[in-house]
Amino acid sequence: MTLLPVPLTDLCNRAFSIPRQRQLFKNVAYIGALTFLLGIEATAVEWLIAEQFEGKQKLIAPNLQAFNLGYEYARDHLKGACALKLARTDKVGDRLFIGGNEAAALGCVWGGATVCTWYPITPSTSLPEYFAKHCARFRIDPVSKKNRFAIVQAEDELAAIGMVLGASWNGARAFTATSGPGISLMQEFFSFAYYAEVPAVVFDIQRGGPSTGMPTRTQQSDLLLAAYAGHGDTKHVMLFPEDPHESFAFAADAFDLAERLQTPIFVMMDLDIGMNDWLCKPFVWAKDRKLDRGKVITAAELEAGKAFGRYADVDGDAIPYRTLPGTHPTLGAYFTRGSSHDRDARYTEEGSVYVDGMQRLLRKFETAKSLVPKPLVRKAKEKTRYGVIYYGSTSAAMDEALDDLESQSLFVDALRVRAFPFSNEVPEFVAAHQCVFVVEQNRDAQLQKLMVNECAIDPARFVSIPHYDGTPITARFITGAIADRMKSAKAKEAAE
């Protein structure tokens, strides 16, 4: 370990008189010292500081002053102390360097979102901020120069999701971004949206829980919370992106799914994906792709005599048709209610009618299986009775771990779950293996419990591999956990 001492506190105390500046500018002086030590061009960092504080001119000069304090100290006292240098480059191979929150925000723009309502919470706050940034580029009317988007910081999380539902009901594509505590506070509206069948997109950037937990640490600990969010019998669609590339793609897909299925869609990211910068594949967007608005009846169809029952299963897929407010002055109107209703949206508490509606919602969840992203399977080089199931940000470490295991002649088939409800490939994969490891970043094996509950799988088929200390999971951890169990099992068989 090589120590490179820089007296940050002393430098800032001598240069600044305001206590708050002395404290904050130590960070900027540190950047200055690091810039010199790593051989980064000072002008590049100065430009970034000016960009960061654009519109706040009075903050640029003192930040540059603090930056130069650190830079000049390192130049005068630590020349040649660090052999590690950074070189300028325009790209890193064929990969993008981007964080998941920004990627998801861009996916929202490409997916047609025009409304974002949110309440600040770590680690999701930057997603609405990036959405605002991209809307300023792509959502300004070229003629009138007026905004063609609405971004509202609500008074609390419950208000934020309520605004999303109001905007979605009116025909806009709307979303909110939050974390576990926010999901807890939005429960009542999730139940309403599920039953009244109002589209919505929710980004859950998961962090360490429970309660306030570890706000700046990562976990995958909200699966059960989101899957059954709301009182009464509810089930929600969840998407599990593995990195910023899929965060972009799944964000856009979520709006199509929300309107096709007329239900909330949860995009289950985490702090590791959302706030860290990743190297990922470039984003792809088909030029001929069109937004899927789902089953929306037009005024022309109503006038032509098309039958309309808001909650009627006309096509056998359990997805009803809807109208948007203002479609027709006299036809196609209905009352959106969270209380029990019949196929024509009329209030009723008749038991058989209620059961009919709830069973249709269950069938609609079955329809969702054919619309959500399918799981991806990686077959081992040799036939094996061992399998592993994982999801989300675990993916990068898992790819490396599988290579490590194969180098030890330990062969494991792998399945990455990308959505809930689970498609038939999930129980089929479990049935094809004698032992299936489930690697996830929470204490209570939440994905495993979902599979047992939803796919009627014997829990004895699973071996839980939990990792929940708040740090991103590593290949070394996965390799060690699986290898130990496989070697132990082989030794036991040999002894028998």
Protein backbone atom coordinates (compact mmCIF):
# COMPACT_ATOMS: atom_id res chain seq x y z
CA MET A 1 0.00 0.00 0.00
CA THR A 2 1.45 3.36 -1.05
CA LEU A 3 0.31 6.38 0.97
CA LEU A 4 0.09 9.72 -0.88
CA PRO A 5 -0.56 12.36 1.79
CA VAL A 6 -2.46 15.50 0.78
CA PRO A 7 -3.43 17.95 3.59
CA LEU A 8 -6.93 18.59 2.28
CA THR A 9 -8.30 20.06 5.50
CA ASP A 10 -5.37 22.44 5.94
CA LEU A 11 -5.51 23.56 2.30
CA CYS A 12 -9.22 24.37 2.49
CA ASN A 13 -9.03 26.00 5.92
CA ARG A 14 -6.40 28.45 4.66
CA ALA A 15 -8.21 29.19 1.40
CA PHE A 16 -11.82 29.49 2.60
CA SER A 17 -13.38 31.24 5.60
CA ILE A 18 -16.91 29.79 5.49
CA PRO A 19 -17.09 26.51 7.51
CA ARG A 20 -19.44 24.82 5.04
CA GLN A 21 -17.11 25.59 2.12
CA ARG A 22 -14.12 24.27 4.06
CA GLN A 23 -15.92 20.97 4.51
CA LEU A 24 -17.36 20.56 1.01
CA PHE A 25 -14.36 21.73 -0.98
CA LYS A 26 -12.11 19.05 0.49
CA ASN A 27 -13.81 16.71 -1.98
CA VAL A 28 -13.02 19.01 -4.90
CA ALA A 29 -9.42 19.51 -3.78
CA TYR A 30 -9.14 15.72 -3.62
CA ILE A 31 -10.28 15.52 -7.25
CA GLY A 32 -7.61 18.08 -8.15
CA ALA A 33 -4.86 16.00 -6.55
CA LEU A 34 -6.13 12.83 -8.19
CA THR A 35 -6.28 14.56 -11.56
CA PHE A 36 -2.56 15.34 -11.40
CA LEU A 37 -1.54 11.96 -9.99
CA LEU A 38 -3.40 10.03 -12.73
CA GLY A 39 -2.28 12.33 -15.53
CA ILE A 40 -5.79 13.50 -16.42
CA GLU A 41 -5.98 16.73 -18.41
CA ALA A 42 -6.85 19.54 -15.99
CA THR A 43 -8.82 21.39 -18.68
CA ALA A 44 -11.15 18.40 -19.05
CA VAL A 45 -12.05 18.42 -15.35
CA GLU A 46 -12.40 22.22 -15.34
CA TRP A 47 -14.89 21.87 -18.19
CA LEU A 48 -16.84 19.25 -16.23
CA ILE A 49 -17.00 21.56 -13.20
CA ALA A 50 -18.36 24.37 -15.37
CA GLU A 51 -20.93 21.99 -16.87
CA GLN A 52 -21.97 20.69 -13.44
CA PHE A 53 -22.71 24.19 -12.16
CA GLU A 54 -24.15 25.65 -15.36
CA GLY A 55 -26.73 28.27 -14.38
CA LYS A 56 -25.05 28.75 -10.99
CA GLN A 57 -22.13 30.91 -12.04
CA LYS A 58 -21.18 31.98 -8.53
CA LEU A 59 -20.34 28.37 -7.65
CA ILE A 60 -17.95 27.77 -10.55
CA ALA A 61 -15.09 30.02 -9.35
CA PRO A 62 -14.76 28.62 -5.79
CA ASN A 63 -14.99 25.04 -7.09
CA LEU A 64 -12.23 25.74 -9.60
CA GLN A 65 -10.20 27.34 -6.81
CA ALA A 66 -10.58 24.22 -4.66
CA PHE A 67 -9.72 21.99 -7.62
CA ASN A 68 -6.52 23.93 -8.26
CA LEU A 69 -5.53 23.74 -4.57
CA GLY A 70 -5.34 19.97 -4.77
CA TYR A 71 -3.85 19.89 -8.27
CA GLU A 72 -1.05 22.33 -7.47
CA TYR A 73 -0.20 20.63 -4.18
CA ALA A 74 0.16 17.26 -5.90
CA ARG A 75 2.19 18.86 -8.69
CA ASP A 76 4.58 20.50 -6.23
CA HIS A 77 4.92 17.66 -3.69
CA LEU A 78 3.95 14.34 -5.32
CA LYS A 79 5.47 14.44 -8.77
CA GLY A 80 6.28 10.91 -9.91
CA ALA A 81 4.55 9.37 -6.88
CA CYS A 82 1.93 7.47 -8.88
CA ALA A 83 2.87 5.18 -11.76
CA LEU A 84 -0.75 4.55 -12.73
CA LYS A 85 -1.90 6.90 -15.49
CA LEU A 86 -5.11 7.29 -17.47
CA ALA A 87 -5.14 7.75 -21.24
CA ARG A 88 -7.75 9.68 -23.20
CA THR A 89 -10.01 7.48 -25.34
CA ASP A 90 -13.19 8.06 -27.29
CA LYS A 91 -14.65 4.63 -26.62
CA VAL A 92 -14.06 1.37 -24.76
CA GLY A 93 -14.19 -1.23 -27.47
CA ASP A 94 -17.77 -1.50 -28.67
CA ARG A 95 -19.25 -0.76 -25.25
CA LEU A 96 -21.11 2.17 -23.70
CA PHE A 97 -20.08 3.51 -20.30
CA ILE A 98 -23.31 4.52 -18.58
CA GLY A 99 -25.33 4.04 -15.41
CA GLY A 100 -28.64 2.22 -15.23
CA ASN A 101 -30.71 5.18 -14.05
CA GLU A 102 -29.67 7.30 -17.02
CA ALA A 103 -30.19 4.36 -19.39
CA ALA A 104 -33.69 3.76 -17.99
CA ALA A 105 -34.52 7.46 -18.26
CA LEU A 106 -33.52 7.42 -21.91
CA GLY A 107 -35.61 4.28 -22.39
CA CYS A 108 -38.59 6.14 -20.94
CA VAL A 109 -38.17 8.89 -23.55
CA TRP A 110 -37.84 6.38 -26.38
CA GLY A 111 -40.81 4.45 -24.96
CA GLY A 112 -43.08 7.47 -25.28
CA ALA A 113 -43.27 8.62 -21.65
CA THR A 114 -44.36 12.22 -21.23
CA VAL A 115 -45.19 12.34 -17.49
CA CYS A 116 -42.91 11.63 -14.54
CA THR A 117 -44.03 12.17 -10.94
CA TRP A 118 -41.65 11.35 -8.14
CA TYR A 119 -40.53 11.92 -4.59
CA PRO A 120 -36.78 11.97 -3.87
CA ILE A 121 -35.25 8.83 -2.41
CA THR A 122 -31.84 7.19 -2.72
CA PRO A 123 -30.97 5.49 -5.07
CA SER A 124 -33.71 6.42 -7.58
CA THR A 125 -33.53 10.23 -7.61
CA SER A 126 -31.19 10.51 -10.57
CA LEU A 127 -33.61 8.63 -12.85
CA PRO A 128 -36.22 11.47 -12.93
CA GLU A 129 -33.36 13.98 -13.12
CA TYR A 130 -31.94 12.27 -16.21
CA PHE A 131 -35.47 12.04 -17.66
CA ALA A 132 -35.78 15.82 -17.27
CA LYS A 133 -32.42 16.28 -18.96
CA HIS A 134 -33.36 14.13 -21.95
CA CYS A 135 -36.84 15.64 -22.21
CA ALA A 136 -35.18 19.04 -22.55
CA ARG A 137 -33.57 17.66 -25.72
CA PHE A 138 -36.32 15.51 -27.18
CA ARG A 139 -39.65 16.71 -25.73
CA ILE A 140 -39.63 20.40 -26.76
CA ASP A 141 -42.08 21.41 -29.50
CA PRO A 142 -39.87 22.61 -32.38
CA VAL A 143 -42.33 25.33 -33.40
CA SER A 144 -43.84 26.69 -30.19
CA LYS A 145 -40.76 25.82 -28.08
CA LYS A 146 -43.15 24.66 -25.35
CA ASN A 147 -42.57 21.59 -23.20
CA ARG A 148 -44.31 18.43 -24.33
CA PHE A 149 -43.74 16.73 -20.99
CA ALA A 150 -44.64 17.15 -17.32
CA ILE A 151 -42.30 16.36 -14.43
CA VAL A 152 -43.74 16.82 -10.95
CA GLN A 153 -41.96 16.41 -7.63
CA ALA A 154 -44.88 15.27 -5.48
CA GLU A 155 -45.38 15.93 -1.78
CA ASP A 156 -44.93 12.23 -0.96
CA GLU A 157 -44.76 8.79 -2.55
CA LEU A 158 -48.49 8.12 -2.37
CA ALA A 159 -49.20 11.36 -4.24
CA ALA A 160 -46.56 10.48 -6.84
CA ILE A 161 -48.17 7.15 -7.80
CA GLY A 162 -51.63 8.74 -7.67
CA MET A 163 -50.52 11.30 -10.25
CA VAL A 164 -49.09 8.54 -12.42
CA LEU A 165 -52.45 6.76 -12.42
CA GLY A 166 -54.32 9.96 -13.22
CA ALA A 167 -52.04 10.72 -16.15
CA SER A 168 -52.14 7.12 -17.42
CA TRP A 169 -55.94 7.01 -17.16
CA ASN A 170 -56.02 10.13 -19.33
CA GLY A 171 -53.90 8.46 -22.01
CA ALA A 172 -50.39 9.67 -21.20
CA ARG A 173 -47.50 7.33 -20.66
CA ALA A 174 -46.48 8.02 -17.07
CA PHE A 175 -44.08 6.59 -14.50
CA THR A 176 -42.53 7.08 -11.10
CA ALA A 177 -39.17 6.02 -9.68
CA THR A 178 -38.63 5.04 -6.07
CA SER A 179 -37.08 2.43 -3.78
CA GLY A 180 -38.36 -0.07 -1.21
CA PRO A 181 -39.67 2.44 1.36
CA GLY A 182 -41.55 4.25 -1.41
CA ILE A 183 -43.10 1.01 -2.67
CA SER A 184 -44.36 0.42 0.89
CA LEU A 185 -46.08 3.80 0.95
CA MET A 186 -47.72 3.35 -2.48
CA GLN A 187 -49.54 0.11 -1.65
CA GLU A 188 -53.10 1.45 -1.67
CA PHE A 189 -52.82 2.80 -5.20
CA PHE A 190 -51.19 -0.39 -6.52
CA SER A 191 -54.23 -2.30 -5.37
CA PHE A 192 -56.49 0.26 -7.07
CA ALA A 193 -54.53 0.19 -10.34
CA TYR A 194 -54.59 -3.61 -10.43
CA TYR A 195 -58.35 -3.81 -9.89
CA ALA A 196 -59.43 -0.77 -11.93
CA GLU A 197 -56.92 -1.83 -14.62
CA VAL A 198 -55.04 1.42 -15.06
CA PRO A 199 -51.60 1.28 -16.74
CA ALA A 200 -48.58 2.48 -14.78
CA VAL A 201 -44.81 2.01 -14.81
CA VAL A 202 -42.82 1.94 -11.57
CA PHE A 203 -39.04 1.80 -11.32
CA ASP A 204 -37.91 0.22 -8.06
CA ILE A 205 -34.21 0.93 -7.60
CA GLN A 206 -33.73 -1.51 -4.73
CA ARG A 207 -31.50 -0.77 -1.77
CA GLY A 208 -30.64 -2.42 1.54
CA GLY A 209 -33.59 -2.92 3.88
CA PRO A 210 -35.66 -3.36 5.95
CA SER A 211 -36.93 0.03 7.18
CA THR A 212 -34.38 2.73 6.32
CA GLY A 213 -31.82 -0.06 6.10
CA MET A 214 -28.73 0.80 4.06
CA PRO A 215 -29.75 3.59 1.65
CA THR A 216 -26.38 3.62 -0.13
CA ARG A 217 -26.02 -0.15 -0.46
CA THR A 218 -27.49 -2.56 -2.97
CA GLN A 219 -29.86 -5.51 -2.54
CA GLN A 220 -32.55 -7.43 -4.42
CA SER A 221 -34.94 -7.35 -1.49
CA ASP A 222 -38.24 -5.99 -2.83
CA LEU A 223 -39.41 -8.90 -4.98
CA LEU A 224 -42.16 -10.18 -2.70
CA LEU A 225 -43.15 -6.61 -1.80
CA ALA A 226 -43.66 -5.66 -5.46
CA ALA A 227 -45.07 -8.97 -6.70
CA TYR A 228 -48.04 -8.84 -4.33
CA ALA A 229 -48.18 -5.09 -3.63
CA GLY A 230 -51.56 -3.93 -2.37
CA HIS A 231 -54.28 -5.26 -0.12
CA GLY A 232 -56.47 -8.11 -1.27
CA ASP A 233 -55.50 -10.60 -3.98
CA THR A 234 -53.07 -8.83 -6.29
CA LYS A 235 -50.27 -9.94 -8.61
CA HIS A 236 -48.02 -7.59 -10.52
CA VAL A 237 -45.73 -7.95 -13.50
CA MET A 238 -42.02 -7.41 -12.78
CA LEU A 239 -39.09 -7.01 -15.18
CA PHE A 240 -35.50 -7.82 -14.12
CA PRO A 241 -32.88 -6.00 -16.26
CA GLU A 242 -29.30 -7.21 -15.85
CA ASP A 243 -27.46 -3.97 -16.72
CA PRO A 244 -27.98 -0.50 -18.28
CA HIS A 245 -28.46 -2.03 -21.73
CA GLU A 246 -31.51 -3.97 -20.56
CA SER A 247 -32.57 -1.08 -18.32
CA PHE A 248 -32.98 1.00 -21.47
CA ALA A 249 -34.78 -1.76 -23.36
CA PHE A 250 -37.02 -2.88 -20.47
CA ALA A 251 -37.92 0.72 -19.61
CA ALA A 252 -39.33 1.22 -23.09
CA ASP A 253 -40.96 -2.22 -23.11
CA ALA A 254 -42.60 -1.52 -19.74
CA PHE A 255 -44.87 1.15 -21.23
CA ASP A 256 -46.00 -1.18 -24.02
CA LEU A 257 -46.70 -3.90 -21.45
CA ALA A 258 -48.52 -1.53 -19.10
CA GLU A 259 -50.92 -0.42 -21.83
CA ARG A 260 -51.27 -3.85 -23.41
CA LEU A 261 -52.07 -5.47 -20.06
CA GLN A 262 -53.68 -2.38 -18.46
CA THR A 263 -51.85 -2.89 -15.18
CA PRO A 264 -48.83 -1.63 -13.22
CA ILE A 265 -45.43 -2.84 -14.43
CA PHE A 266 -42.51 -2.88 -11.99
CA VAL A 267 -38.99 -2.51 -13.40
CA MET A 268 -36.87 -4.08 -10.65
CA MET A 269 -33.44 -2.52 -10.83
CA ASP A 270 -31.08 -2.01 -7.88
CA LEU A 271 -28.51 0.48 -6.63
CA ASP A 272 -25.68 -1.43 -8.29
CA ILE A 273 -27.29 -1.11 -11.72
CA GLY A 274 -28.87 2.30 -11.20
CA MET A 275 -26.11 4.40 -9.66
CA ASN A 276 -22.93 2.72 -10.88
CA ASP A 277 -21.50 3.18 -14.37
CA TRP A 278 -21.28 -0.01 -16.40
CA LEU A 279 -19.72 -1.10 -19.66
CA CYS A 280 -22.62 -2.47 -21.68
CA LYS A 281 -23.73 -3.15 -25.23
CA PRO A 282 -24.91 -0.12 -27.22
CA PHE A 283 -28.63 0.55 -27.17
CA VAL A 284 -30.71 -0.71 -30.08
CA TRP A 285 -33.94 0.79 -31.40
CA ALA A 286 -35.80 -0.50 -34.47
CA LYS A 287 -36.67 2.37 -36.79
CA ASP A 288 -40.04 0.81 -37.63
CA ARG A 289 -41.00 0.17 -34.00
CA LYS A 290 -44.36 1.60 -32.98
CA LEU A 291 -45.81 2.16 -29.53
CA ASP A 292 -48.21 -0.59 -28.47
CA ARG A 293 -51.16 1.28 -26.95
CA GLY A 294 -53.11 -1.91 -26.35
CA LYS A 295 -56.85 -2.26 -26.74
CA VAL A 296 -58.08 1.34 -27.07
CA ILE A 297 -61.43 1.87 -28.80
CA THR A 298 -61.68 4.93 -31.06
CA ALA A 299 -64.64 7.24 -31.63
CA ALA A 300 -65.06 5.81 -35.14
CA GLU A 301 -65.33 2.27 -33.78
CA LEU A 302 -67.91 3.36 -31.22
CA GLU A 303 -70.00 5.09 -33.86
CA ALA A 304 -69.75 2.02 -36.07
CA GLY A 305 -71.49 0.08 -33.32
CA LYS A 306 -68.55 -1.74 -31.69
CA ALA A 307 -69.80 -3.19 -28.42
CA PHE A 308 -68.09 -1.81 -25.33
CA GLY A 309 -68.02 -3.27 -21.87
CA ARG A 310 -65.07 -1.88 -19.95
CA TYR A 311 -64.27 -5.11 -18.11
CA ALA A 312 -65.56 -7.65 -20.61
CA ASP A 313 -63.28 -10.39 -21.95
CA VAL A 314 -64.09 -10.11 -25.65
CA ASP A 315 -61.05 -11.82 -27.20
CA GLY A 316 -60.50 -14.63 -24.70
CA ASP A 317 -57.14 -13.27 -23.48
CA ALA A 318 -58.73 -11.68 -20.38
CA ILE A 319 -57.66 -8.20 -21.51
CA PRO A 320 -60.65 -5.86 -21.90
CA TYR A 321 -61.02 -2.86 -24.19
CA ARG A 322 -60.85 0.68 -22.84
CA THR A 323 -61.59 4.20 -24.02
CA LEU A 324 -59.67 7.36 -23.25
CA PRO A 325 -61.36 10.47 -21.78
CA GLY A 326 -62.85 12.67 -24.50
CA THR A 327 -62.99 9.92 -27.10
CA HIS A 328 -66.69 10.51 -27.84
CA PRO A 329 -69.24 12.97 -26.43
CA THR A 330 -71.87 10.30 -25.69
CA LEU A 331 -70.45 6.81 -26.31
CA GLY A 332 -67.76 4.78 -24.55
CA ALA A 333 -67.94 6.48 -21.17
CA TYR A 334 -67.54 4.48 -17.98
CA PHE A 335 -66.92 5.09 -14.30
CA THR A 336 -63.48 4.02 -13.09
CA ARG A 337 -63.93 2.65 -9.60
CA GLY A 338 -61.80 0.75 -7.15
CA SER A 339 -64.84 -0.95 -5.69
CA SER A 340 -66.37 -4.16 -7.01
CA HIS A 341 -67.78 -3.82 -10.53
CA ASP A 342 -69.35 -5.92 -13.26
CA ARG A 343 -68.26 -6.25 -16.88
CA ASP A 344 -69.82 -2.89 -17.74
CA ALA A 345 -68.04 -1.07 -14.85
CA ARG A 346 -71.25 -0.85 -12.80
CA TYR A 347 -70.98 -1.12 -9.02
CA THR A 348 -71.99 -4.46 -7.53
CA GLU A 349 -71.27 -6.63 -4.53
CA GLU A 350 -72.84 -9.74 -6.02
CA GLY A 351 -70.48 -12.57 -5.18
CA SER A 352 -70.58 -14.41 -8.50
CA VAL A 353 -69.93 -11.21 -10.46
CA TYR A 354 -67.00 -10.33 -8.22
CA VAL A 355 -65.51 -13.81 -8.63
CA ASP A 356 -65.95 -13.56 -12.41
CA GLY A 357 -63.90 -10.35 -12.46
CA MET A 358 -61.17 -11.65 -10.17
CA GLN A 359 -60.81 -14.85 -12.18
CA ARG A 360 -60.44 -12.80 -15.35
CA LEU A 361 -57.61 -10.84 -13.72
CA LEU A 362 -55.95 -14.14 -12.90
CA ARG A 363 -56.29 -15.24 -16.53
CA LYS A 364 -54.84 -11.93 -17.64
CA PHE A 365 -51.79 -12.66 -15.51
CA GLU A 366 -51.46 -15.93 -17.43
CA THR A 367 -51.62 -13.95 -20.69
CA ALA A 368 -48.74 -11.82 -19.39
CA LYS A 369 -46.48 -14.89 -19.46
CA SER A 370 -46.46 -14.76 -23.26
CA LEU A 371 -45.68 -11.04 -23.38
CA VAL A 372 -42.86 -10.55 -20.86
CA PRO A 373 -39.17 -11.23 -21.68
CA LYS A 374 -38.32 -14.94 -21.72
CA PRO A 375 -35.60 -16.38 -19.47
CA LEU A 376 -32.19 -17.05 -21.01
CA VAL A 377 -30.45 -20.42 -20.61
CA ARG A 378 -26.73 -21.16 -20.72
CA LYS A 379 -25.94 -24.84 -21.10
CA ALA A 380 -22.80 -26.30 -19.54
CA LYS A 381 -20.20 -27.92 -21.79
CA GLU A 382 -21.03 -31.31 -20.31
CA LYS A 383 -24.31 -32.87 -19.25
CA THR A 384 -25.04 -32.11 -15.61
CA ARG A 385 -27.69 -32.61 -12.97
CA TYR A 386 -26.91 -29.21 -11.43
CA GLY A 387 -28.58 -25.95 -12.38
CA VAL A 388 -28.45 -22.37 -11.16
CA ILE A 389 -31.10 -19.66 -11.39
CA TYR A 390 -30.32 -15.97 -10.99
CA TYR A 391 -31.50 -12.53 -12.13
CA GLY A 392 -30.70 -8.83 -12.42
CA SER A 393 -27.31 -7.39 -11.51
CA THR A 394 -26.03 -10.84 -10.48
CA SER A 395 -25.58 -11.58 -14.18
CA ALA A 396 -22.07 -10.18 -14.74
CA ALA A 397 -20.61 -12.04 -11.75
CA MET A 398 -22.49 -15.20 -12.70
CA ASP A 399 -21.03 -15.27 -16.22
CA GLU A 400 -17.54 -15.17 -14.75
CA ALA A 401 -18.39 -17.69 -12.03
CA LEU A 402 -19.69 -20.23 -14.55
CA ASP A 403 -16.38 -20.00 -16.43
CA ASP A 404 -14.50 -20.48 -13.15
CA LEU A 405 -16.58 -23.53 -12.24
CA GLU A 406 -16.02 -25.12 -15.65
CA SER A 407 -12.25 -24.62 -15.25
CA GLN A 408 -12.60 -26.83 -12.14
CA SER A 409 -14.64 -29.41 -14.11
CA LEU A 410 -17.74 -28.40 -12.16
CA PHE A 411 -20.51 -28.10 -14.72
CA VAL A 412 -23.72 -26.18 -14.06
CA ASP A 413 -26.55 -25.21 -16.43
CA ALA A 414 -27.75 -21.65 -15.83
CA LEU A 415 -31.08 -19.86 -16.29
CA ARG A 416 -31.45 -16.09 -15.94
CA VAL A 417 -34.98 -15.05 -15.02
CA ARG A 418 -35.95 -11.78 -16.73
CA ALA A 419 -39.57 -11.34 -15.70
CA PHE A 420 -42.43 -12.33 -13.44
CA PRO A 421 -44.85 -14.05 -14.07
CA PHE A 422 -42.55 -16.96 -14.79
CA SER A 423 -42.87 -18.60 -18.18
CA ASN A 424 -43.02 -22.38 -18.49
CA GLU A 425 -39.27 -22.53 -19.11
CA VAL A 426 -38.63 -21.92 -15.40
CA PRO A 427 -40.37 -25.00 -13.92
CA GLU A 428 -39.13 -27.06 -16.87
CA PHE A 429 -35.55 -26.06 -16.08
CA VAL A 430 -35.98 -27.02 -12.44
CA ALA A 431 -37.54 -30.35 -13.37
CA ALA A 432 -34.57 -31.16 -15.62
CA HIS A 433 -32.06 -30.89 -12.77
CA GLN A 434 -31.68 -32.79 -9.53
CA CYS A 435 -30.34 -29.76 -7.65
CA VAL A 436 -30.88 -26.08 -8.52
CA PHE A 437 -28.94 -23.29 -6.84
CA VAL A 438 -30.74 -19.96 -6.56
CA VAL A 439 -28.37 -17.02 -6.29
CA GLU A 440 -29.92 -13.76 -5.13
CA GLN A 441 -29.01 -10.68 -3.17
CA ASN A 442 -31.38 -10.91 -0.21
CA ARG A 443 -31.57 -12.90 3.01
CA ASP A 444 -34.89 -14.67 2.61
CA ALA A 445 -34.55 -16.26 -0.86
CA GLN A 446 -37.38 -14.16 -2.28
CA LEU A 447 -37.08 -15.36 -5.89
CA GLN A 448 -36.97 -18.94 -4.67
CA LYS A 449 -40.12 -18.41 -2.62
CA LEU A 450 -41.87 -16.90 -5.65
CA MET A 451 -40.97 -19.92 -7.77
CA VAL A 452 -42.19 -22.33 -5.09
CA ASN A 453 -45.40 -20.38 -4.67
CA GLU A 454 -46.20 -19.70 -8.32
CA CYS A 455 -44.84 -22.81 -10.03
CA ALA A 456 -45.71 -25.44 -7.37
CA ILE A 457 -42.09 -26.59 -7.15
CA ASP A 458 -40.87 -28.77 -4.29
CA PRO A 459 -38.64 -26.51 -2.12
CA ALA A 460 -36.27 -29.45 -1.63
CA ARG A 461 -35.14 -29.03 -5.25
CA PHE A 462 -33.53 -25.70 -4.41
CA VAL A 463 -30.34 -24.69 -2.62
CA SER A 464 -30.34 -21.02 -1.66
CA ILE A 465 -27.16 -18.97 -2.22
CA PRO A 466 -27.88 -15.65 -0.45
CA HIS A 467 -25.67 -12.55 -0.58
CA TYR A 468 -26.99 -9.49 1.22
CA ASP A 469 -24.21 -7.47 2.86
CA GLY A 470 -24.97 -4.51 0.60
CA THR A 471 -21.96 -4.85 -1.69
CA PRO A 472 -22.30 -6.00 -5.31
CA ILE A 473 -22.06 -9.78 -5.55
CA THR A 474 -18.79 -11.17 -6.91
CA ALA A 475 -17.83 -14.13 -9.07
CA ARG A 476 -15.49 -15.30 -6.31
CA PHE A 477 -18.41 -15.51 -3.86
CA ILE A 478 -20.64 -17.41 -6.30
CA THR A 479 -17.88 -19.81 -7.36
CA GLY A 480 -16.94 -20.58 -3.77
CA ALA A 481 -20.51 -21.13 -2.60
CA ILE A 482 -21.48 -23.44 -5.47
CA ALA A 483 -18.16 -25.29 -5.65
CA ASP A 484 -18.19 -26.08 -1.94
CA ARG A 485 -21.66 -27.58 -2.15
CA MET A 486 -20.95 -29.57 -5.31
CA LYS A 487 -17.69 -30.98 -3.94
CA SER A 488 -19.37 -31.83 -0.65
CA ALA A 489 -22.17 -33.66 -2.48
CA LYS A 490 -19.66 -35.61 -4.59
CA ALA A 491 -17.66 -36.59 -1.51
CA LYS A 492 -20.82 -37.78 0.22
CA GLU A 493 -21.81 -39.88 -2.79
CA ALA A 494 -18.34 -41.40 -2.99
CA ALA A 495 -18.47 -42.33 0.70
CA GLU A 496 -21.85 -43.99 0.27
